[in-house]
Amino acid sequence: MSGVDALFAVERSLILDRIALSQDIMDAIEKSEGMLGHYLQLTMCCENKDWSSINKIPPVERAKLNHSFIEAMMWANDIVRDLN
């Protein structure tokens, strides 16, 4: 949901009500709860360039986060390229 609500100028809750998502995913998006909420928060720190929060993460976990974020960015770029 990273910015999708802003993209469509619609409240996040309205979008979430129309998408079939598990409760774990809903809790992560709406309340930053659970393991998925933790990962979402880390992703948002990367997107927002919140380096102070990222620097608090142990180096091994930070390296995994960086690798996963780069892979996600490459995947998103591939999707956009394929749509064009």
Protein backbone atom coordinates (compact mmCIF):
# COMPACT_ATOMS: atom_id res chain seq x y z
CA MET A 1 0.00 0.00 0.00
CA SER A 2 3.02 2.19 -0.14
CA GLY A 3 1.42 5.38 -1.42
CA VAL A 4 -1.43 3.76 -3.33
CA ASP A 5 -3.96 5.72 -1.28
CA ALA A 6 -2.27 8.99 -2.22
CA LEU A 7 -1.96 7.94 -5.85
CA PHE A 8 -5.70 7.46 -6.18
CA ALA A 9 -6.61 10.25 -3.72
CA VAL A 10 -8.70 7.81 -1.72
CA GLU A 11 -8.57 6.97 1.96
CA ARG A 12 -6.52 3.88 2.68
CA SER A 13 -9.40 2.24 4.58
CA LEU A 14 -11.66 2.51 1.51
CA ILE A 15 -9.09 0.76 -0.65
CA LEU A 16 -8.45 -1.96 1.93
CA ASP A 17 -12.17 -2.66 2.27
CA ARG A 18 -12.31 -3.54 -1.43
CA ILE A 19 -9.29 -5.87 -1.48
CA ALA A 20 -9.39 -9.44 -0.17
CA LEU A 21 -6.46 -9.51 2.26
CA SER A 22 -5.69 -11.74 5.21
CA GLN A 23 -6.06 -10.29 8.69
CA ASP A 24 -2.25 -10.42 9.14
CA ILE A 25 -1.78 -8.19 6.12
CA MET A 26 -4.57 -5.84 7.18
CA ASP A 27 -3.04 -5.53 10.67
CA ALA A 28 0.37 -4.80 9.15
CA ILE A 29 -0.98 -2.07 6.87
CA GLU A 30 -3.44 -0.47 9.27
CA LYS A 31 -1.64 -0.88 12.61
CA SER A 32 1.97 -1.86 11.80
CA GLU A 33 1.40 -5.01 13.86
CA GLY A 34 2.97 -8.45 13.61
CA MET A 35 5.99 -9.59 11.66
CA LEU A 36 4.60 -8.19 8.42
CA GLY A 37 4.02 -4.84 10.13
CA HIS A 38 7.66 -4.87 11.23
CA TYR A 39 8.81 -5.53 7.67
CA LEU A 40 6.48 -2.84 6.35
CA GLN A 41 7.92 -0.33 8.83
CA LEU A 42 11.45 -1.21 7.69
CA THR A 43 10.40 -0.76 4.06
CA MET A 44 8.86 2.61 4.85
CA CYS A 45 12.11 3.64 6.58
CA CYS A 46 13.97 2.84 3.35
CA GLU A 47 11.46 4.71 1.19
CA ASN A 48 11.52 7.72 3.51
CA LYS A 49 15.31 7.65 3.84
CA ASP A 50 14.98 7.39 7.62
CA TRP A 51 18.64 6.51 8.10
CA SER A 52 18.59 7.00 11.88
CA SER A 53 16.03 4.19 12.25
CA ILE A 54 17.80 1.99 9.72
CA ASN A 55 21.13 2.45 11.50
CA LYS A 56 19.59 1.00 14.68
CA ILE A 57 19.11 -2.34 12.92
CA PRO A 58 21.89 -4.91 13.47
CA PRO A 59 24.33 -4.98 10.51
CA VAL A 60 23.38 -8.48 9.31
CA GLU A 61 19.66 -7.65 9.29
CA ARG A 62 20.39 -4.26 7.67
CA ALA A 63 22.30 -6.01 4.85
CA LYS A 64 19.34 -8.34 4.27
CA LEU A 65 16.98 -5.36 4.27
CA ASN A 66 19.12 -3.51 1.74
CA HIS A 67 19.32 -6.55 -0.51
CA SER A 68 15.56 -7.15 -0.32
CA PHE A 69 14.77 -3.50 -0.97
CA ILE A 70 17.00 -3.43 -4.05
CA GLU A 71 15.40 -6.65 -5.35
CA ALA A 72 11.94 -5.14 -4.84
CA MET A 73 12.94 -1.98 -6.69
CA MET A 74 14.31 -4.03 -9.60
CA TRP A 75 11.10 -6.11 -9.68
CA ALA A 76 8.97 -2.94 -9.73
CA ASN A 77 11.10 -1.49 -12.54
CA ASP A 78 10.64 -4.71 -14.54
CA ILE A 79 6.86 -4.49 -14.11
CA VAL A 80 6.77 -0.86 -15.22
CA ARG A 81 8.99 -1.65 -18.19
CA ASP A 82 6.74 -4.56 -19.20
CA LEU A 83 3.63 -2.36 -18.96
CA ASN A 84 5.15 0.15 -21.37
